[in-house]
Amino acid sequence: MKFICKDFWTTVFKKQIDNLRTNHQGIYVLQDNKFRLLTQMSAGKQYLEHASKYLAFTCGLIRGGLSNLGIKSIVTAEVSSMPACKLNSYSLKMVLVIIFSSLVFFCLFC
C-alpha cells in the first residue's frame, strides 16, 4: 500500500496520499484531503451526494494496481466533505473471512 500511496498516486495525481491508515487485518484507508477530481465540484454542496460516483475510476485504478501486484481487493470510496475523499481497500481474503463469520453467526442464531 505504501507503493500505491507514494509512487502510484504521485504518478497519476501529482501528489502523495495525505494519510494512510490500517487496522492490521487487511483493511486500509487512504485519505486525500484535496483530491484533484473533486476540486472543480467542491464549490457547491449540491454535488456532495454524487461525488462518490466520480471516484469509481479511481477505485478501479487502485484495484487494478493492487491486482497487478498479485493482491485481490475490493476498493470503495466515500466523500464526507469536498474536495477530500477516503478510499477503503479490503483484501479479498479479509472480505471472505467477514462473509464467512457473518454466515456462521446467522446460522447459530436462526
N, C-alpha and C. Protein backbone atom coordinates (compact mmCIF):
# COMPACT_ATOMS: atom_id res chain seq x y z
N MET A 1 0.82 -1.20 0.00
CA MET A 1 0.00 0.00 0.00
C MET A 1 0.86 1.26 0.00
N LYS A 2 2.05 1.16 0.56
CA LYS A 2 2.93 2.33 0.53
C LYS A 2 3.29 2.68 -0.90
N PHE A 3 3.45 1.67 -1.75
CA PHE A 3 3.72 1.91 -3.17
C PHE A 3 2.56 2.67 -3.80
N ILE A 4 1.32 2.25 -3.50
CA ILE A 4 0.14 2.91 -4.05
C ILE A 4 0.08 4.36 -3.58
N CYS A 5 0.36 4.59 -2.30
CA CYS A 5 0.25 5.94 -1.72
C CYS A 5 1.34 6.89 -2.18
N LYS A 6 2.52 6.38 -2.37
CA LYS A 6 3.64 7.25 -2.74
C LYS A 6 3.83 7.31 -4.25
N ASP A 7 4.28 6.22 -4.83
CA ASP A 7 4.67 6.22 -6.24
C ASP A 7 3.48 6.26 -7.19
N PHE A 8 2.53 5.35 -7.01
CA PHE A 8 1.39 5.23 -7.91
C PHE A 8 0.54 6.50 -7.90
N TRP A 9 0.17 6.96 -6.70
CA TRP A 9 -0.69 8.14 -6.57
C TRP A 9 0.02 9.39 -7.10
N THR A 10 1.33 9.49 -6.84
CA THR A 10 2.10 10.64 -7.32
C THR A 10 2.16 10.65 -8.84
N THR A 11 2.31 9.49 -9.44
CA THR A 11 2.36 9.41 -10.91
C THR A 11 1.03 9.82 -11.53
N VAL A 12 -0.06 9.39 -10.95
CA VAL A 12 -1.39 9.66 -11.53
C VAL A 12 -1.90 11.05 -11.17
N PHE A 13 -1.79 11.46 -9.90
CA PHE A 13 -2.41 12.70 -9.43
C PHE A 13 -1.43 13.80 -9.02
N LYS A 14 -0.15 13.58 -9.23
CA LYS A 14 0.88 14.60 -8.98
C LYS A 14 1.03 14.99 -7.52
N LYS A 15 0.62 14.13 -6.60
CA LYS A 15 0.83 14.36 -5.17
C LYS A 15 0.69 13.03 -4.45
N GLN A 16 1.22 12.97 -3.23
CA GLN A 16 1.09 11.76 -2.44
C GLN A 16 -0.24 11.76 -1.69
N ILE A 17 -0.66 10.59 -1.26
CA ILE A 17 -1.84 10.47 -0.40
C ILE A 17 -1.52 11.20 0.91
N ASP A 18 -2.50 11.89 1.46
CA ASP A 18 -2.27 12.64 2.70
C ASP A 18 -2.21 11.75 3.93
N ASN A 19 -2.95 10.65 3.93
CA ASN A 19 -3.00 9.81 5.12
C ASN A 19 -3.29 8.37 4.73
N LEU A 20 -2.57 7.44 5.34
CA LEU A 20 -2.81 6.01 5.15
C LEU A 20 -2.98 5.39 6.53
N ARG A 21 -4.10 4.72 6.72
CA ARG A 21 -4.37 4.04 7.99
C ARG A 21 -4.69 2.58 7.72
N THR A 22 -4.45 1.75 8.71
CA THR A 22 -4.76 0.33 8.60
C THR A 22 -5.20 -0.21 9.95
N ASN A 23 -5.96 -1.29 9.92
CA ASN A 23 -6.31 -1.97 11.16
C ASN A 23 -5.46 -3.23 11.34
N HIS A 24 -4.45 -3.40 10.49
CA HIS A 24 -3.52 -4.53 10.52
C HIS A 24 -4.22 -5.87 10.28
N GLN A 25 -5.40 -5.84 9.68
CA GLN A 25 -6.12 -7.06 9.36
C GLN A 25 -6.58 -7.05 7.90
N GLY A 26 -5.93 -6.28 7.07
CA GLY A 26 -6.24 -6.27 5.65
C GLY A 26 -7.13 -5.14 5.19
N ILE A 27 -7.45 -4.19 6.06
CA ILE A 27 -8.27 -3.04 5.66
C ILE A 27 -7.40 -1.79 5.73
N TYR A 28 -7.34 -1.07 4.60
CA TYR A 28 -6.55 0.16 4.51
C TYR A 28 -7.47 1.31 4.14
N VAL A 29 -7.24 2.47 4.74
CA VAL A 29 -7.99 3.68 4.41
C VAL A 29 -6.99 4.71 3.91
N LEU A 30 -7.17 5.12 2.66
CA LEU A 30 -6.33 6.13 2.04
C LEU A 30 -7.11 7.43 2.01
N GLN A 31 -6.52 8.51 2.49
CA GLN A 31 -7.23 9.79 2.53
C GLN A 31 -6.47 10.83 1.74
N ASP A 32 -7.18 11.50 0.85
CA ASP A 32 -6.64 12.62 0.09
C ASP A 32 -7.48 13.84 0.45
N ASN A 33 -6.87 14.83 1.09
CA ASN A 33 -7.61 15.99 1.57
C ASN A 33 -7.94 17.01 0.49
N LYS A 34 -7.26 16.92 -0.65
CA LYS A 34 -7.54 17.83 -1.76
C LYS A 34 -7.46 17.04 -3.06
N PHE A 35 -8.46 16.17 -3.26
CA PHE A 35 -8.48 15.27 -4.39
C PHE A 35 -8.74 16.04 -5.68
N ARG A 36 -7.88 15.86 -6.66
CA ARG A 36 -7.92 16.65 -7.89
C ARG A 36 -9.23 16.51 -8.66
N LEU A 37 -9.81 15.33 -8.68
CA LEU A 37 -11.03 15.14 -9.47
C LEU A 37 -12.25 15.79 -8.82
N LEU A 38 -12.14 16.18 -7.55
CA LEU A 38 -13.27 16.80 -6.86
C LEU A 38 -13.10 18.30 -6.64
N THR A 39 -11.93 18.85 -6.91
CA THR A 39 -11.71 20.27 -6.61
C THR A 39 -12.60 21.17 -7.45
N GLN A 40 -12.89 20.82 -8.68
CA GLN A 40 -13.76 21.65 -9.51
C GLN A 40 -15.21 21.63 -9.01
N MET A 41 -15.63 20.52 -8.43
CA MET A 41 -17.01 20.40 -7.94
C MET A 41 -17.16 20.89 -6.51
N SER A 42 -16.09 21.19 -5.83
CA SER A 42 -16.16 21.47 -4.40
C SER A 42 -16.76 22.83 -4.08
N ALA A 43 -17.06 23.64 -5.08
CA ALA A 43 -17.62 24.97 -4.81
C ALA A 43 -19.03 24.89 -4.24
N GLY A 44 -19.80 23.89 -4.63
CA GLY A 44 -21.17 23.80 -4.14
C GLY A 44 -21.44 22.50 -3.41
N LYS A 45 -22.27 22.55 -2.39
CA LYS A 45 -22.58 21.35 -1.61
C LYS A 45 -23.60 20.46 -2.31
N GLN A 46 -24.23 20.95 -3.39
CA GLN A 46 -25.23 20.15 -4.08
C GLN A 46 -24.62 18.92 -4.75
N TYR A 47 -23.32 18.90 -4.93
CA TYR A 47 -22.66 17.78 -5.59
C TYR A 47 -22.15 16.72 -4.61
N LEU A 48 -22.27 16.96 -3.33
CA LEU A 48 -21.70 16.07 -2.34
C LEU A 48 -22.22 14.64 -2.44
N GLU A 49 -23.52 14.48 -2.61
CA GLU A 49 -24.08 13.13 -2.67
C GLU A 49 -23.71 12.39 -3.95
N HIS A 50 -23.35 13.12 -5.00
CA HIS A 50 -22.97 12.49 -6.27
C HIS A 50 -21.45 12.36 -6.43
N ALA A 51 -20.69 12.90 -5.51
CA ALA A 51 -19.24 12.93 -5.65
C ALA A 51 -18.62 11.54 -5.66
N SER A 52 -19.17 10.61 -4.90
CA SER A 52 -18.58 9.27 -4.85
C SER A 52 -18.68 8.55 -6.19
N LYS A 53 -19.65 8.93 -7.03
CA LYS A 53 -19.76 8.33 -8.37
C LYS A 53 -18.55 8.67 -9.23
N TYR A 54 -18.00 9.85 -9.00
CA TYR A 54 -16.84 10.28 -9.77
C TYR A 54 -15.55 9.59 -9.31
N LEU A 55 -15.63 8.89 -8.20
CA LEU A 55 -14.46 8.19 -7.68
C LEU A 55 -14.38 6.74 -8.14
N ALA A 56 -15.36 6.28 -8.91
CA ALA A 56 -15.35 4.89 -9.38
C ALA A 56 -14.11 4.59 -10.22
N PHE A 57 -13.71 5.54 -11.06
CA PHE A 57 -12.50 5.36 -11.87
C PHE A 57 -11.27 5.20 -10.99
N THR A 58 -11.18 6.03 -9.95
CA THR A 58 -10.04 5.96 -9.04
C THR A 58 -10.03 4.65 -8.27
N CYS A 59 -11.19 4.17 -7.85
CA CYS A 59 -11.27 2.87 -7.18
C CYS A 59 -10.76 1.77 -8.11
N GLY A 60 -11.14 1.86 -9.38
CA GLY A 60 -10.67 0.89 -10.36
C GLY A 60 -9.17 0.96 -10.58
N LEU A 61 -8.61 2.16 -10.56
CA LEU A 61 -7.16 2.31 -10.70
C LEU A 61 -6.42 1.62 -9.55
N ILE A 62 -6.90 1.85 -8.34
CA ILE A 62 -6.25 1.24 -7.17
C ILE A 62 -6.41 -0.27 -7.21
N ARG A 63 -7.62 -0.74 -7.50
CA ARG A 63 -7.86 -2.18 -7.57
C ARG A 63 -6.99 -2.83 -8.65
N GLY A 64 -6.88 -2.18 -9.79
CA GLY A 64 -6.05 -2.70 -10.87
C GLY A 64 -4.57 -2.71 -10.51
N GLY A 65 -4.11 -1.65 -9.85
CA GLY A 65 -2.72 -1.60 -9.41
C GLY A 65 -2.39 -2.70 -8.42
N LEU A 66 -3.30 -2.90 -7.47
CA LEU A 66 -3.08 -3.98 -6.50
C LEU A 66 -3.17 -5.35 -7.16
N SER A 67 -4.07 -5.49 -8.11
CA SER A 67 -4.22 -6.77 -8.81
C SER A 67 -2.94 -7.11 -9.58
N ASN A 68 -2.33 -6.12 -10.19
CA ASN A 68 -1.07 -6.35 -10.91
C ASN A 68 0.07 -6.71 -9.96
N LEU A 69 -0.08 -6.36 -8.70
CA LEU A 69 0.91 -6.75 -7.69
C LEU A 69 0.56 -8.09 -7.06
N GLY A 70 -0.55 -8.71 -7.51
CA GLY A 70 -0.96 -10.02 -7.01
C GLY A 70 -1.86 -9.96 -5.80
N ILE A 71 -2.43 -8.79 -5.51
CA ILE A 71 -3.29 -8.62 -4.34
C ILE A 71 -4.72 -8.42 -4.83
N LYS A 72 -5.59 -9.37 -4.57
CA LYS A 72 -7.00 -9.25 -4.92
C LYS A 72 -7.68 -8.40 -3.85
N SER A 73 -8.46 -7.41 -4.27
CA SER A 73 -9.05 -6.50 -3.29
C SER A 73 -10.39 -5.95 -3.77
N ILE A 74 -11.07 -5.31 -2.85
CA ILE A 74 -12.27 -4.53 -3.14
C ILE A 74 -11.97 -3.12 -2.67
N VAL A 75 -12.24 -2.13 -3.51
CA VAL A 75 -11.95 -0.74 -3.17
C VAL A 75 -13.24 0.06 -3.25
N THR A 76 -13.55 0.78 -2.18
CA THR A 76 -14.72 1.65 -2.13
C THR A 76 -14.29 3.06 -1.81
N ALA A 77 -15.18 4.02 -2.08
CA ALA A 77 -14.86 5.43 -1.84
C ALA A 77 -15.97 6.09 -1.06
N GLU A 78 -15.60 7.09 -0.28
CA GLU A 78 -16.60 7.90 0.43
C GLU A 78 -16.13 9.34 0.48
N VAL A 79 -17.08 10.24 0.41
CA VAL A 79 -16.80 11.67 0.47
C VAL A 79 -17.69 12.27 1.54
N SER A 80 -17.08 12.84 2.58
CA SER A 80 -17.87 13.49 3.63
C SER A 80 -17.81 15.00 3.52
N SER A 81 -16.69 15.53 3.04
CA SER A 81 -16.57 16.96 2.78
C SER A 81 -15.66 17.14 1.57
N MET A 82 -16.08 17.94 0.65
CA MET A 82 -15.31 18.09 -0.58
C MET A 82 -14.23 19.14 -0.42
N PRO A 83 -13.10 19.03 -1.05
CA PRO A 83 -12.69 18.03 -2.03
C PRO A 83 -11.95 16.84 -1.43
N ALA A 84 -12.14 16.56 -0.14
CA ALA A 84 -11.48 15.42 0.49
C ALA A 84 -12.23 14.13 0.17
N CYS A 85 -11.49 13.02 0.11
CA CYS A 85 -12.11 11.73 -0.11
C CYS A 85 -11.34 10.66 0.66
N LYS A 86 -12.04 9.57 0.98
CA LYS A 86 -11.44 8.41 1.61
C LYS A 86 -11.68 7.22 0.72
N LEU A 87 -10.63 6.45 0.49
CA LEU A 87 -10.72 5.24 -0.30
C LEU A 87 -10.40 4.07 0.62
N ASN A 88 -11.30 3.12 0.69
CA ASN A 88 -11.13 1.95 1.55
C ASN A 88 -10.75 0.76 0.70
N SER A 89 -9.68 0.09 1.06
CA SER A 89 -9.23 -1.09 0.33
C SER A 89 -9.29 -2.29 1.27
N TYR A 90 -10.03 -3.31 0.85
CA TYR A 90 -10.19 -4.53 1.62
C TYR A 90 -9.54 -5.66 0.83
N SER A 91 -8.63 -6.38 1.45
CA SER A 91 -8.08 -7.53 0.74
C SER A 91 -9.18 -8.57 0.62
N LEU A 92 -9.23 -9.27 -0.50
CA LEU A 92 -10.29 -10.23 -0.76
C LEU A 92 -10.31 -11.33 0.29
N LYS A 93 -9.13 -11.67 0.79
CA LYS A 93 -9.04 -12.69 1.84
C LYS A 93 -9.81 -12.23 3.08
N MET A 94 -9.66 -10.95 3.45
CA MET A 94 -10.35 -10.41 4.62
C MET A 94 -11.85 -10.36 4.39
N VAL A 95 -12.29 -10.02 3.18
CA VAL A 95 -13.72 -9.96 2.87
C VAL A 95 -14.34 -11.34 3.01
N LEU A 96 -13.65 -12.38 2.54
CA LEU A 96 -14.17 -13.74 2.66
C LEU A 96 -14.28 -14.16 4.12
N VAL A 97 -13.35 -13.75 4.96
CA VAL A 97 -13.41 -14.06 6.39
C VAL A 97 -14.62 -13.37 7.02
N ILE A 98 -14.88 -12.12 6.66
CA ILE A 98 -16.03 -11.38 7.19
C ILE A 98 -17.33 -12.04 6.76
N ILE A 99 -17.44 -12.42 5.49
CA ILE A 99 -18.65 -13.07 4.98
C ILE A 99 -18.86 -14.40 5.69
N PHE A 100 -17.81 -15.19 5.81
CA PHE A 100 -17.92 -16.49 6.47
C PHE A 100 -18.34 -16.32 7.93
N SER A 101 -17.74 -15.36 8.62
CA SER A 101 -18.10 -15.10 10.03
C SER A 101 -19.56 -14.69 10.15
N SER A 102 -20.04 -13.88 9.23
CA SER A 102 -21.44 -13.44 9.24
C SER A 102 -22.37 -14.62 9.02
N LEU A 103 -22.01 -15.52 8.11
CA LEU A 103 -22.83 -16.69 7.85
C LEU A 103 -22.89 -17.62 9.07
N VAL A 104 -21.77 -17.81 9.70
CA VAL A 104 -21.72 -18.66 10.90
C VAL A 104 -22.58 -18.05 12.00
N PHE A 105 -22.46 -16.73 12.21
CA PHE A 105 -23.26 -16.05 13.21
C PHE A 105 -24.75 -16.18 12.90
N PHE A 106 -25.11 -16.01 11.63
CA PHE A 106 -26.50 -16.10 11.19
C PHE A 106 -27.04 -17.52 11.44
N CYS A 107 -26.24 -18.52 11.11
CA CYS A 107 -26.68 -19.91 11.28
C CYS A 107 -26.84 -20.29 12.75
N LEU A 108 -26.00 -19.72 13.60
CA LEU A 108 -26.05 -20.04 15.02
C LEU A 108 -27.31 -19.50 15.68
N PHE A 109 -27.80 -18.36 15.20
CA PHE A 109 -28.93 -17.71 15.86
C PHE A 109 -30.23 -17.80 15.07
N CYS A 110 -30.30 -18.66 14.08
CA CYS A 110 -31.54 -18.84 13.32
C CYS A 110 -32.21 -20.16 13.63
